[in-house]
PDB file of all heavy atoms in Angstrom:
ATOM      1  N   PRO A   1     -23.125 -32.468 -50.473  1.00  0.00           N
ATOM      2  CA  PRO A   1     -23.517 -31.523 -49.415  1.00  0.00           C
ATOM      3  C   PRO A   1     -24.832 -31.872 -48.763  1.00  0.00           C
ATOM      4  O   PRO A   1     -25.695 -32.526 -49.352  1.00  0.00           O
ATOM      5  CB  PRO A   1     -23.603 -30.193 -50.168  1.00  0.00           C
ATOM      6  CG  PRO A   1     -23.799 -30.549 -51.595  1.00  0.00           C
ATOM      7  CD  PRO A   1     -23.105 -31.846 -51.802  1.00  0.00           C
ATOM      8  N   LEU A   2     -24.965 -31.443 -47.504  1.00  0.00           N
ATOM      9  CA  LEU A   2     -26.185 -31.630 -46.719  1.00  0.00           C
ATOM     10  C   LEU A   2     -26.771 -30.260 -46.392  1.00  0.00           C
ATOM     11  O   LEU A   2     -26.045 -29.347 -46.029  1.00  0.00           O
ATOM     12  CB  LEU A   2     -25.853 -32.327 -45.394  1.00  0.00           C
ATOM     13  CG  LEU A   2     -25.655 -33.829 -45.378  1.00  0.00           C
ATOM     14  CD1 LEU A   2     -24.948 -34.222 -44.095  1.00  0.00           C
ATOM     15  CD2 LEU A   2     -26.986 -34.553 -45.468  1.00  0.00           C
ATOM     16  N   ASP A   3     -28.081 -30.131 -46.503  1.00  0.00           N
ATOM     17  CA  ASP A   3     -28.719 -28.892 -46.079  1.00  0.00           C
ATOM     18  C   ASP A   3     -28.782 -28.816 -44.552  1.00  0.00           C
ATOM     19  O   ASP A   3     -28.651 -27.754 -43.961  1.00  0.00           O
ATOM     20  CB  ASP A   3     -30.139 -28.796 -46.644  1.00  0.00           C
ATOM     21  CG  ASP A   3     -30.114 -28.584 -48.149  1.00  0.00           C
ATOM     22  OD1 ASP A   3     -29.139 -27.984 -48.656  1.00  0.00           O
ATOM     23  OD2 ASP A   3     -31.063 -29.024 -48.834  1.00  0.00           O
ATOM     24  N   ASN A   4     -29.001 -29.980 -43.925  1.00  0.00           N
ATOM     25  CA  ASN A   4     -29.069 -30.046 -42.465  1.00  0.00           C
ATOM     26  C   ASN A   4     -28.906 -31.495 -42.049  1.00  0.00           C
ATOM     27  O   ASN A   4     -29.009 -32.393 -42.870  1.00  0.00           O
ATOM     28  CB  ASN A   4     -30.419 -29.485 -41.968  1.00  0.00           C
ATOM     29  CG  ASN A   4     -30.402 -29.236 -40.466  1.00  0.00           C
ATOM     30  OD1 ASN A   4     -29.340 -29.143 -39.848  1.00  0.00           O
ATOM     31  ND2 ASN A   4     -31.568 -29.171 -39.871  1.00  0.00           N
ATOM     32  N   GLY A   5     -28.671 -31.726 -40.768  1.00  0.00           N
ATOM     33  CA  GLY A   5     -28.612 -33.076 -40.256  1.00  0.00           C
ATOM     34  C   GLY A   5     -27.296 -33.763 -40.518  1.00  0.00           C
ATOM     35  O   GLY A   5     -26.244 -33.147 -40.640  1.00  0.00           O
ATOM     36  N   ALA A   6     -27.384 -35.096 -40.624  1.00  0.00           N
ATOM     37  CA  ALA A   6     -26.190 -35.912 -40.815  1.00  0.00           C
ATOM     38  C   ALA A   6     -26.518 -37.069 -41.739  1.00  0.00           C
ATOM     39  O   ALA A   6     -27.682 -37.424 -41.944  1.00  0.00           O
ATOM     40  CB  ALA A   6     -25.673 -36.431 -39.483  1.00  0.00           C
ATOM     41  N   ARG A   7     -25.459 -37.639 -42.291  1.00  0.00           N
ATOM     42  CA  ARG A   7     -25.594 -38.826 -43.141  1.00  0.00           C
ATOM     43  C   ARG A   7     -24.569 -39.839 -42.628  1.00  0.00           C
ATOM     44  O   ARG A   7     -23.369 -39.570 -42.603  1.00  0.00           O
ATOM     45  CB  ARG A   7     -25.327 -38.464 -44.599  1.00  0.00           C
ATOM     46  CG  ARG A   7     -25.679 -39.531 -45.610  1.00  0.00           C
ATOM     47  CD  ARG A   7     -25.424 -39.042 -47.034  1.00  0.00           C
ATOM     48  NE  ARG A   7     -26.338 -37.992 -47.435  1.00  0.00           N
ATOM     49  CZ  ARG A   7     -25.962 -36.798 -47.930  1.00  0.00           C
ATOM     50  NH1 ARG A   7     -24.683 -36.507 -48.060  1.00  0.00           N
ATOM     51  NH2 ARG A   7     -26.864 -35.912 -48.275  1.00  0.00           N
ATOM     52  N   VAL A   8     -25.034 -41.032 -42.218  1.00  0.00           N
ATOM     53  CA  VAL A   8     -24.177 -41.965 -41.521  1.00  0.00           C
ATOM     54  C   VAL A   8     -24.746 -43.390 -41.613  1.00  0.00           C
ATOM     55  O   VAL A   8     -25.952 -43.551 -41.780  1.00  0.00           O
ATOM     56  CB  VAL A   8     -24.034 -41.531 -40.029  1.00  0.00           C
ATOM     57  CG1 VAL A   8     -25.359 -41.568 -39.316  1.00  0.00           C
ATOM     58  CG2 VAL A   8     -22.992 -42.358 -39.304  1.00  0.00           C
ATOM     59  N   ARG A   9     -23.876 -44.365 -41.509  1.00  0.00           N
ATOM     60  CA  ARG A   9     -24.323 -45.765 -41.431  1.00  0.00           C
ATOM     61  C   ARG A   9     -24.515 -46.122 -39.963  1.00  0.00           C
ATOM     62  O   ARG A   9     -23.658 -45.824 -39.122  1.00  0.00           O
ATOM     63  CB  ARG A   9     -23.303 -46.722 -42.047  1.00  0.00           C
ATOM     64  CG  ARG A   9     -23.255 -46.695 -43.560  1.00  0.00           C
ATOM     65  CD  ARG A   9     -22.574 -47.956 -44.102  1.00  0.00           C
ATOM     66  NE  ARG A   9     -23.410 -49.115 -43.933  1.00  0.00           N
ATOM     67  CZ  ARG A   9     -23.006 -50.271 -43.436  1.00  0.00           C
ATOM     68  NH1 ARG A   9     -21.773 -50.421 -43.007  1.00  0.00           N
ATOM     69  NH2 ARG A   9     -23.835 -51.295 -43.327  1.00  0.00           N
ATOM     70  N   ARG A  10     -25.644 -46.777 -39.675  1.00  0.00           N
ATOM     71  CA  ARG A  10     -25.926 -47.216 -38.296  1.00  0.00           C
ATOM     72  C   ARG A  10     -26.449 -48.631 -38.304  1.00  0.00           C
ATOM     73  O   ARG A  10     -26.930 -49.128 -39.325  1.00  0.00           O
ATOM     74  CB  ARG A  10     -26.988 -46.287 -37.648  1.00  0.00           C
ATOM     75  CG  ARG A  10     -26.536 -44.888 -37.439  1.00  0.00           C
ATOM     76  CD  ARG A  10     -27.609 -44.048 -36.755  1.00  0.00           C
ATOM     77  NE  ARG A  10     -28.714 -43.752 -37.623  1.00  0.00           N
ATOM     78  CZ  ARG A  10     -29.821 -43.074 -37.249  1.00  0.00           C
ATOM     79  NH1 ARG A  10     -29.919 -42.685 -35.985  1.00  0.00           N
ATOM     80  NH2 ARG A  10     -30.778 -42.810 -38.106  1.00  0.00           N
ATOM     81  N   THR A  11     -26.373 -49.287 -37.151  1.00  0.00           N
ATOM     82  CA  THR A  11     -27.042 -50.571 -37.014  1.00  0.00           C
ATOM     83  C   THR A  11     -28.552 -50.329 -37.077  1.00  0.00           C
ATOM     84  O   THR A  11     -29.014 -49.202 -36.853  1.00  0.00           O
ATOM     85  CB  THR A  11     -26.678 -51.245 -35.682  1.00  0.00           C
ATOM     86  OG1 THR A  11     -26.910 -50.312 -34.609  1.00  0.00           O
ATOM     87  CG2 THR A  11     -25.213 -51.668 -35.674  1.00  0.00           C
ATOM     88  N   LEU A  12     -29.294 -51.381 -37.337  1.00  0.00           N
ATOM     89  CA  LEU A  12     -30.735 -51.226 -37.535  1.00  0.00           C
ATOM     90  C   LEU A  12     -31.443 -50.736 -36.271  1.00  0.00           C
ATOM     91  O   LEU A  12     -32.471 -50.039 -36.362  1.00  0.00           O
ATOM     92  CB  LEU A  12     -31.342 -52.552 -38.004  1.00  0.00           C
ATOM     93  CG  LEU A  12     -30.929 -52.958 -39.416  1.00  0.00           C
ATOM     94  CD1 LEU A  12     -31.410 -54.368 -39.723  1.00  0.00           C
ATOM     95  CD2 LEU A  12     -31.487 -51.988 -40.445  1.00  0.00           C
ATOM     96  N   ASP A  13     -30.898 -51.078 -35.087  1.00  0.00           N
ATOM     97  CA  ASP A  13     -31.522 -50.572 -33.865  1.00  0.00           C
ATOM     98  C   ASP A  13     -31.026 -49.165 -33.489  1.00  0.00           C
ATOM     99  O   ASP A  13     -31.419 -48.606 -32.471  1.00  0.00           O
ATOM    100  CB  ASP A  13     -31.284 -51.537 -32.701  1.00  0.00           C
ATOM    101  CG  ASP A  13     -29.822 -51.704 -32.336  1.00  0.00           C
ATOM    102  OD1 ASP A  13     -28.975 -51.028 -32.950  1.00  0.00           O
ATOM    103  OD2 ASP A  13     -29.522 -52.534 -31.451  1.00  0.00           O
ATOM    104  N   ARG A  14     -30.119 -48.620 -34.320  1.00  0.00           N
ATOM    105  CA  ARG A  14     -29.619 -47.251 -34.194  1.00  0.00           C
ATOM    106  C   ARG A  14     -28.812 -47.003 -32.908  1.00  0.00           C
ATOM    107  O   ARG A  14     -28.660 -45.861 -32.479  1.00  0.00           O
ATOM    108  CB  ARG A  14     -30.771 -46.242 -34.306  1.00  0.00           C
ATOM    109  CG  ARG A  14     -31.411 -46.206 -35.685  1.00  0.00           C
ATOM    110  CD  ARG A  14     -32.469 -45.145 -35.785  1.00  0.00           C
ATOM    111  NE  ARG A  14     -33.682 -45.533 -35.058  1.00  0.00           N
ATOM    112  CZ  ARG A  14     -34.713 -44.729 -34.831  1.00  0.00           C
ATOM    113  NH1 ARG A  14     -34.660 -43.484 -35.228  1.00  0.00           N
ATOM    114  NH2 ARG A  14     -35.766 -45.159 -34.193  1.00  0.00           N
ATOM    115  N   THR A  15     -28.261 -48.059 -32.321  1.00  0.00           N
ATOM    116  CA  THR A  15     -27.483 -47.901 -31.102  1.00  0.00           C
ATOM    117  C   THR A  15     -25.977 -47.821 -31.366  1.00  0.00           C
ATOM    118  O   THR A  15     -25.201 -47.632 -30.425  1.00  0.00           O
ATOM    119  CB  THR A  15     -27.750 -49.067 -30.121  1.00  0.00           C
ATOM    120  OG1 THR A  15     -27.376 -50.296 -30.740  1.00  0.00           O
ATOM    121  CG2 THR A  15     -29.228 -49.113 -29.730  1.00  0.00           C
ATOM    122  N   TYR A  16     -25.562 -47.987 -32.618  1.00  0.00           N
ATOM    123  CA  TYR A  16     -24.152 -47.988 -32.961  1.00  0.00           C
ATOM    124  C   TYR A  16     -24.001 -47.412 -34.355  1.00  0.00           C
ATOM    125  O   TYR A  16     -24.783 -47.762 -35.251  1.00  0.00           O
ATOM    126  CB  TYR A  16     -23.614 -49.430 -32.938  1.00  0.00           C
ATOM    127  CG  TYR A  16     -22.110 -49.569 -33.121  1.00  0.00           C
ATOM    128  CD1 TYR A  16     -21.270 -49.667 -32.036  1.00  0.00           C
ATOM    129  CD2 TYR A  16     -21.553 -49.615 -34.394  1.00  0.00           C
ATOM    130  CE1 TYR A  16     -19.892 -49.815 -32.191  1.00  0.00           C
ATOM    131  CE2 TYR A  16     -20.185 -49.752 -34.572  1.00  0.00           C
ATOM    132  CZ  TYR A  16     -19.362 -49.861 -33.454  1.00  0.00           C
ATOM    133  OH  TYR A  16     -18.013 -50.014 -33.626  1.00  0.00           O
ATOM    134  N   CYS A  17     -23.064 -46.503 -34.533  1.00  0.00           N
ATOM    135  CA  CYS A  17     -22.863 -45.926 -35.872  1.00  0.00           C
ATOM    136  C   CYS A  17     -21.418 -46.038 -36.304  1.00  0.00           C
ATOM    137  O   CYS A  17     -20.506 -46.169 -35.483  1.00  0.00           O
ATOM    138  CB  CYS A  17     -23.362 -44.468 -35.913  1.00  0.00           C
ATOM    139  SG  CYS A  17     -22.384 -43.331 -34.927  1.00  0.00           S
ATOM    140  N   ASP A  18     -21.225 -45.992 -37.608  1.00  0.00           N
ATOM    141  CA  ASP A  18     -19.896 -46.134 -38.199  1.00  0.00           C
ATOM    142  C   ASP A  18     -19.237 -44.760 -38.270  1.00  0.00           C
ATOM    143  O   ASP A  18     -19.678 -43.903 -39.031  1.00  0.00           O
ATOM    144  CB  ASP A  18     -20.041 -46.742 -39.605  1.00  0.00           C
ATOM    145  CG  ASP A  18     -18.714 -47.126 -40.209  1.00  0.00           C
ATOM    146  OD1 ASP A  18     -17.669 -46.650 -39.729  1.00  0.00           O
ATOM    147  OD2 ASP A  18     -18.718 -47.890 -41.196  1.00  0.00           O
ATOM    148  N   THR A  19     -18.208 -44.567 -37.460  1.00  0.00           N
ATOM    149  CA  THR A  19     -17.562 -43.251 -37.411  1.00  0.00           C
ATOM    150  C   THR A  19     -16.347 -43.165 -38.346  1.00  0.00           C
ATOM    151  O   THR A  19     -15.644 -42.143 -38.343  1.00  0.00           O
ATOM    152  CB  THR A  19     -17.111 -42.911 -35.986  1.00  0.00           C
ATOM    153  OG1 THR A  19     -16.161 -43.906 -35.531  1.00  0.00           O
ATOM    154  CG2 THR A  19     -18.309 -42.886 -35.034  1.00  0.00           C
ATOM    155  N   ARG A  20     -16.096 -44.221 -39.124  1.00  0.00           N
ATOM    156  CA  ARG A  20     -14.962 -44.144 -40.054  1.00  0.00           C
ATOM    157  C   ARG A  20     -15.228 -43.139 -41.173  1.00  0.00           C
ATOM    158  O   ARG A  20     -14.321 -42.482 -41.652  1.00  0.00           O
ATOM    159  CB  ARG A  20     -14.685 -45.536 -40.644  1.00  0.00           C
ATOM    160  CG  ARG A  20     -14.235 -46.570 -39.617  1.00  0.00           C
ATOM    161  CD  ARG A  20     -14.223 -47.961 -40.207  1.00  0.00           C
ATOM    162  NE  ARG A  20     -15.544 -48.386 -40.620  1.00  0.00           N
ATOM    163  CZ  ARG A  20     -15.821 -49.568 -41.183  1.00  0.00           C
ATOM    164  NH1 ARG A  20     -14.845 -50.429 -41.404  1.00  0.00           N
ATOM    165  NH2 ARG A  20     -17.061 -49.875 -41.532  1.00  0.00           N
ATOM    166  N   PHE A  21     -16.471 -43.044 -41.582  1.00  0.00           N
ATOM    167  CA  PHE A  21     -16.870 -42.068 -42.599  1.00  0.00           C
ATOM    168  C   PHE A  21     -18.300 -41.641 -42.340  1.00  0.00           C
ATOM    169  O   PHE A  21     -19.195 -42.475 -42.242  1.00  0.00           O
ATOM    170  CB  PHE A  21     -16.745 -42.656 -44.008  1.00  0.00           C
ATOM    171  CG  PHE A  21     -17.306 -41.765 -45.086  1.00  0.00           C
ATOM    172  CD1 PHE A  21     -16.694 -40.578 -45.407  1.00  0.00           C
ATOM    173  CD2 PHE A  21     -18.488 -42.105 -45.747  1.00  0.00           C
ATOM    174  CE1 PHE A  21     -17.231 -39.721 -46.373  1.00  0.00           C
ATOM    175  CE2 PHE A  21     -19.017 -41.286 -46.732  1.00  0.00           C
ATOM    176  CZ  PHE A  21     -18.392 -40.085 -47.045  1.00  0.00           C
ATOM    177  N   PHE A  22     -18.496 -40.333 -42.202  1.00  0.00           N
ATOM    178  CA  PHE A  22     -19.846 -39.807 -42.068  1.00  0.00           C
ATOM    179  C   PHE A  22     -19.835 -38.347 -42.508  1.00  0.00           C
ATOM    180  O   PHE A  22     -18.774 -37.724 -42.631  1.00  0.00           O
ATOM    181  CB  PHE A  22     -20.393 -39.938 -40.636  1.00  0.00           C
ATOM    182  CG  PHE A  22     -19.620 -39.194 -39.590  1.00  0.00           C
ATOM    183  CD1 PHE A  22     -19.864 -37.840 -39.337  1.00  0.00           C
ATOM    184  CD2 PHE A  22     -18.659 -39.837 -38.842  1.00  0.00           C
ATOM    185  CE1 PHE A  22     -19.162 -37.144 -38.377  1.00  0.00           C
ATOM    186  CE2 PHE A  22     -17.932 -39.136 -37.856  1.00  0.00           C
ATOM    187  CZ  PHE A  22     -18.188 -37.803 -37.621  1.00  0.00           C
ATOM    188  N   SER A  23     -21.007 -37.811 -42.768  1.00  0.00           N
ATOM    189  CA  SER A  23     -21.138 -36.409 -43.176  1.00  0.00           C
ATOM    190  C   SER A  23     -22.076 -35.711 -42.208  1.00  0.00           C
ATOM    191  O   SER A  23     -23.056 -36.283 -41.731  1.00  0.00           O
ATOM    192  CB  SER A  23     -21.716 -36.326 -44.609  1.00  0.00           C
ATOM    193  OG  SER A  23     -20.904 -37.011 -45.526  1.00  0.00           O
ATOM    194  N   THR A  24     -21.769 -34.446 -41.922  1.00  0.00           N
ATOM    195  CA  THR A  24     -22.612 -33.674 -41.016  1.00  0.00           C
ATOM    196  C   THR A  24     -22.603 -32.207 -41.435  1.00  0.00           C
ATOM    197  O   THR A  24     -21.578 -31.677 -41.880  1.00  0.00           O
ATOM    198  CB  THR A  24     -22.124 -33.804 -39.558  1.00  0.00           C
ATOM    199  OG1 THR A  24     -22.919 -32.964 -38.708  1.00  0.00           O
ATOM    200  CG2 THR A  24     -20.668 -33.418 -39.421  1.00  0.00           C
ATOM    201  N   ASN A  25     -23.725 -31.583 -41.282  1.00  0.00           N
ATOM    202  CA  ASN A  25     -23.815 -30.135 -41.406  1.00  0.00           C
ATOM    203  C   ASN A  25     -23.150 -29.509 -40.184  1.00  0.00           C
ATOM    204  O   ASN A  25     -23.243 -30.027 -39.079  1.00  0.00           O
ATOM    205  CB  ASN A  25     -25.318 -29.764 -41.483  1.00  0.00           C
ATOM    206  CG  ASN A  25     -25.589 -28.300 -41.409  1.00  0.00           C
ATOM    207  OD1 ASN A  25     -25.748 -27.766 -40.316  1.00  0.00           O
ATOM    208  ND2 ASN A  25     -25.680 -27.657 -42.540  1.00  0.00           N
ATOM    209  N   VAL A  26     -22.422 -28.404 -40.381  1.00  0.00           N
ATOM    210  CA  VAL A  26     -21.676 -27.792 -39.276  1.00  0.00           C
ATOM    211  C   VAL A  26     -22.611 -27.392 -38.133  1.00  0.00           C
ATOM    212  O   VAL A  26     -22.317 -27.646 -36.956  1.00  0.00           O
ATOM    213  CB  VAL A  26     -20.872 -26.574 -39.763  1.00  0.00           C
ATOM    214  CG1 VAL A  26     -20.344 -25.750 -38.586  1.00  0.00           C
ATOM    215  CG2 VAL A  26     -19.718 -27.024 -40.644  1.00  0.00           C
ATOM    216  N   LYS A  27     -23.742 -26.793 -38.447  1.00  0.00           N
ATOM    217  CA  LYS A  27     -24.685 -26.393 -37.418  1.00  0.00           C
ATOM    218  C   LYS A  27     -25.173 -27.611 -36.650  1.00  0.00           C
ATOM    219  O   LYS A  27     -25.323 -27.571 -35.412  1.00  0.00           O
ATOM    220  CB  LYS A  27     -25.868 -25.652 -38.054  1.00  0.00           C
ATOM    221  CG  LYS A  27     -26.924 -25.190 -37.065  1.00  0.00           C
ATOM    222  CD  LYS A  27     -26.390 -24.122 -36.146  1.00  0.00           C
ATOM    223  CE  LYS A  27     -27.467 -23.526 -35.280  1.00  0.00           C
ATOM    224  NZ  LYS A  27     -26.957 -22.505 -34.330  1.00  0.00           N
ATOM    225  N   PHE A  28     -25.417 -28.712 -37.365  1.00  0.00           N
ATOM    226  CA  PHE A  28     -25.875 -29.949 -36.702  1.00  0.00           C
ATOM    227  C   PHE A  28     -24.788 -30.470 -35.767  1.00  0.00           C
ATOM    228  O   PHE A  28     -25.065 -30.894 -34.638  1.00  0.00           O
ATOM    229  CB  PHE A  28     -26.216 -31.008 -37.748  1.00  0.00           C
ATOM    230  CG  PHE A  28     -26.735 -32.286 -37.170  1.00  0.00           C
ATOM    231  CD1 PHE A  28     -28.094 -32.428 -36.900  1.00  0.00           C
ATOM    232  CD2 PHE A  28     -25.893 -33.352 -36.919  1.00  0.00           C
ATOM    233  CE1 PHE A  28     -28.595 -33.612 -36.355  1.00  0.00           C
ATOM    234  CE2 PHE A  28     -26.368 -34.532 -36.378  1.00  0.00           C
ATOM    235  CZ  PHE A  28     -27.715 -34.664 -36.090  1.00  0.00           C
ATOM    236  N   TRP A  29     -23.533 -30.457 -36.208  1.00  0.00           N
ATOM    237  CA  TRP A  29     -22.452 -30.904 -35.345  1.00  0.00           C
ATOM    238  C   TRP A  29     -22.384 -30.070 -34.073  1.00  0.00           C
ATOM    239  O   TRP A  29     -22.303 -30.595 -32.967  1.00  0.00           O
ATOM    240  CB  TRP A  29     -21.105 -30.826 -36.095  1.00  0.00           C
ATOM    241  CG  TRP A  29     -19.964 -31.230 -35.209  1.00  0.00           C
ATOM    242  CD1 TRP A  29     -19.247 -30.409 -34.366  1.00  0.00           C
ATOM    243  CD2 TRP A  29     -19.429 -32.532 -35.034  1.00  0.00           C
ATOM    244  NE1 TRP A  29     -18.293 -31.154 -33.684  1.00  0.00           N
ATOM    245  CE2 TRP A  29     -18.384 -32.444 -34.067  1.00  0.00           C
ATOM    246  CE3 TRP A  29     -19.733 -33.788 -35.604  1.00  0.00           C
ATOM    247  CZ2 TRP A  29     -17.659 -33.565 -33.675  1.00  0.00           C
ATOM    248  CZ3 TRP A  29     -18.985 -34.901 -35.198  1.00  0.00           C
ATOM    249  CH2 TRP A  29     -17.971 -34.775 -34.243  1.00  0.00           C
ATOM    250  N   GLN A  30     -22.409 -28.761 -34.243  1.00  0.00           N
ATOM    251  CA  GLN A  30     -22.287 -27.877 -33.080  1.00  0.00           C
ATOM    252  C   GLN A  30     -23.451 -28.052 -32.106  1.00  0.00           C
ATOM    253  O   GLN A  30     -23.274 -27.951 -30.896  1.00  0.00           O
ATOM    254  CB  GLN A  30     -22.181 -26.432 -33.554  1.00  0.00           C
ATOM    255  CG  GLN A  30     -20.893 -26.129 -34.313  1.00  0.00           C
ATOM    256  CD  GLN A  30     -20.911 -24.779 -34.991  1.00  0.00           C
ATOM    257  OE1 GLN A  30     -21.973 -24.215 -35.227  1.00  0.00           O
ATOM    258  NE2 GLN A  30     -19.727 -24.263 -35.292  1.00  0.00           N
ATOM    259  N   THR A  31     -24.642 -28.294 -32.659  1.00  0.00           N
ATOM    260  CA  THR A  31     -25.830 -28.396 -31.816  1.00  0.00           C
ATOM    261  C   THR A  31     -25.988 -29.767 -31.178  1.00  0.00           C
ATOM    262  O   THR A  31     -26.372 -29.872 -30.000  1.00  0.00           O
ATOM    263  CB  THR A  31     -27.097 -28.091 -32.670  1.00  0.00           C
ATOM    264  OG1 THR A  31     -26.975 -26.805 -33.268  1.00  0.00           O
ATOM    265  CG2 THR A  31     -28.353 -28.128 -31.795  1.00  0.00           C
ATOM    266  N   HIS A  32     -25.674 -30.819 -31.916  1.00  0.00           N
ATOM    267  CA  HIS A  32     -25.995 -32.180 -31.454  1.00  0.00           C
ATOM    268  C   HIS A  32     -24.809 -33.084 -31.206  1.00  0.00           C
ATOM    269  O   HIS A  32     -24.949 -34.075 -30.475  1.00  0.00           O
ATOM    270  CB  HIS A  32     -26.905 -32.846 -32.490  1.00  0.00           C
ATOM    271  CG  HIS A  32     -28.209 -32.147 -32.708  1.00  0.00           C
ATOM    272  ND1 HIS A  32     -29.235 -32.143 -31.761  1.00  0.00           N
ATOM    273  CD2 HIS A  32     -28.669 -31.402 -33.753  1.00  0.00           C
ATOM    274  CE1 HIS A  32     -30.253 -31.444 -32.224  1.00  0.00           C
ATOM    275  NE2 HIS A  32     -29.935 -30.986 -33.413  1.00  0.00           N
ATOM    276  N   LEU A  33     -23.636 -32.817 -31.796  1.00  0.00           N
ATOM    277  CA  LEU A  33     -22.549 -33.779 -31.719  1.00  0.00           C
ATOM    278  C   LEU A  33     -21.273 -33.269 -31.064  1.00  0.00           C
ATOM    279  O   LEU A  33     -20.391 -34.070 -30.761  1.00  0.00           O
ATOM    280  CB  LEU A  33     -22.206 -34.300 -33.135  1.00  0.00           C
ATOM    281  CG  LEU A  33     -23.325 -35.036 -33.856  1.00  0.00           C
ATOM    282  CD1 LEU A  33     -22.889 -35.427 -35.272  1.00  0.00           C
ATOM    283  CD2 LEU A  33     -23.747 -36.270 -33.068  1.00  0.00           C
ATOM    284  N   SER A  34     -21.186 -31.984 -30.817  1.00  0.00           N
ATOM    285  CA  SER A  34     -19.967 -31.475 -30.168  1.00  0.00           C
ATOM    286  C   SER A  34     -19.942 -31.904 -28.688  1.00  0.00           C
ATOM    287  O   SER A  34     -20.989 -32.197 -28.079  1.00  0.00           O
ATOM    288  CB  SER A  34     -19.903 -29.958 -30.277  1.00  0.00           C
ATOM    289  OG  SER A  34     -20.969 -29.358 -29.565  1.00  0.00           O
ATOM    290  N   GLY A  35     -18.732 -31.979 -28.129  1.00  0.00           N
ATOM    291  CA  GLY A  35     -18.593 -32.276 -26.714  1.00  0.00           C
ATOM    292  C   GLY A  35     -18.849 -33.744 -26.343  1.00  0.00           C
ATOM    293  O   GLY A  35     -19.208 -34.030 -25.198  1.00  0.00           O
ATOM    294  N   MET A  36     -18.652 -34.651 -27.281  1.00  0.00           N
ATOM    295  CA  MET A  36     -18.907 -36.073 -27.000  1.00  0.00           C
ATOM    296  C   MET A  36     -17.795 -36.710 -26.181  1.00  0.00           C
ATOM    297  O   MET A  36     -17.978 -37.788 -25.590  1.00  0.00           O
ATOM    298  CB  MET A  36     -19.095 -36.856 -28.295  1.00  0.00           C
ATOM    299  CG  MET A  36     -20.362 -36.528 -29.062  1.00  0.00           C
ATOM    300  SD  MET A  36     -20.652 -37.640 -30.458  1.00  0.00           S
ATOM    301  CE  MET A  36     -19.422 -37.053 -31.632  1.00  0.00           C
ATOM    302  N   ALA A  37     -16.618 -36.112 -26.131  1.00  0.00           N
ATOM    303  CA  ALA A  37     -15.449 -36.745 -25.521  1.00  0.00           C
ATOM    304  C   ALA A  37     -15.718 -37.205 -24.083  1.00  0.00           C
ATOM    305  O   ALA A  37     -15.324 -38.310 -23.692  1.00  0.00           O
ATOM    306  CB  ALA A  37     -14.260 -35.796 -25.557  1.00  0.00           C
ATOM    307  N   ASN A  38     -16.381 -36.380 -23.290  1.00  0.00           N
ATOM    308  CA  ASN A  38     -16.602 -36.724 -21.889  1.00  0.00           C
ATOM    309  C   ASN A  38     -17.597 -37.843 -21.691  1.00  0.00           C
ATOM    310  O   ASN A  38     -17.699 -38.409 -20.586  1.00  0.00           O
ATOM    311  CB  ASN A  38     -17.064 -35.480 -21.109  1.00  0.00           C
ATOM    312  CG  ASN A  38     -15.966 -34.460 -20.940  1.00  0.00           C
ATOM    313  OD1 ASN A  38     -14.779 -34.801 -20.979  1.00  0.00           O
ATOM    314  ND2 ASN A  38     -16.344 -33.200 -20.756  1.00  0.00           N
ATOM    315  N   GLU A  39     -18.335 -38.196 -22.739  1.00  0.00           N
ATOM    316  CA  GLU A  39     -19.309 -39.291 -22.647  1.00  0.00           C
ATOM    317  C   GLU A  39     -18.732 -40.617 -23.080  1.00  0.00           C
ATOM    318  O   GLU A  39     -19.341 -41.680 -22.884  1.00  0.00           O
ATOM    319  CB  GLU A  39     -20.539 -38.958 -23.489  1.00  0.00           C
ATOM    320  CG  GLU A  39     -21.272 -37.716 -23.013  1.00  0.00           C
ATOM    321  CD  GLU A  39     -22.393 -37.328 -23.973  1.00  0.00           C
ATOM    322  OE1 GLU A  39     -23.053 -38.223 -24.520  1.00  0.00           O
ATOM    323  OE2 GLU A  39     -22.596 -36.114 -24.180  1.00  0.00           O
ATOM    324  N   VAL A  40     -17.550 -40.583 -23.695  1.00  0.00           N
ATOM    325  CA  VAL A  40     -16.879 -41.814 -24.142  1.00  0.00           C
ATOM    326  C   VAL A  40     -16.170 -42.436 -22.941  1.00  0.00           C
ATOM    327  O   VAL A  40     -15.579 -41.745 -22.118  1.00  0.00           O
ATOM    328  CB  VAL A  40     -15.868 -41.503 -25.258  1.00  0.00           C
ATOM    329  CG1 VAL A  40     -15.081 -42.759 -25.626  1.00  0.00           C
ATOM    330  CG2 VAL A  40     -16.586 -40.941 -26.489  1.00  0.00           C
ATOM    331  N   ALA A  41     -16.230 -43.773 -22.857  1.00  0.00           N
ATOM    332  CA  ALA A  41     -15.529 -44.503 -21.790  1.00  0.00           C
ATOM    333  C   ALA A  41     -15.087 -45.838 -22.361  1.00  0.00           C
ATOM    334  O   ALA A  41     -15.765 -46.846 -22.195  1.00  0.00           O
ATOM    335  CB  ALA A  41     -16.427 -44.689 -20.570  1.00  0.00           C
TER     336      ALA A  41
END
C-alpha cells in the first residue's frame, strides 16, 4: 500500500515510465493522472 503518490519505474531523465505495472494512491490518480487519454497520440 501507498499512503500517497505513486510507485513506478521510469527512465533516469523521467521522460518515460513503465505502464505495465505501477501503483498509485486513488486520490493521486484522480488529481494527477486521470484524463490522460486526450494527451496520447
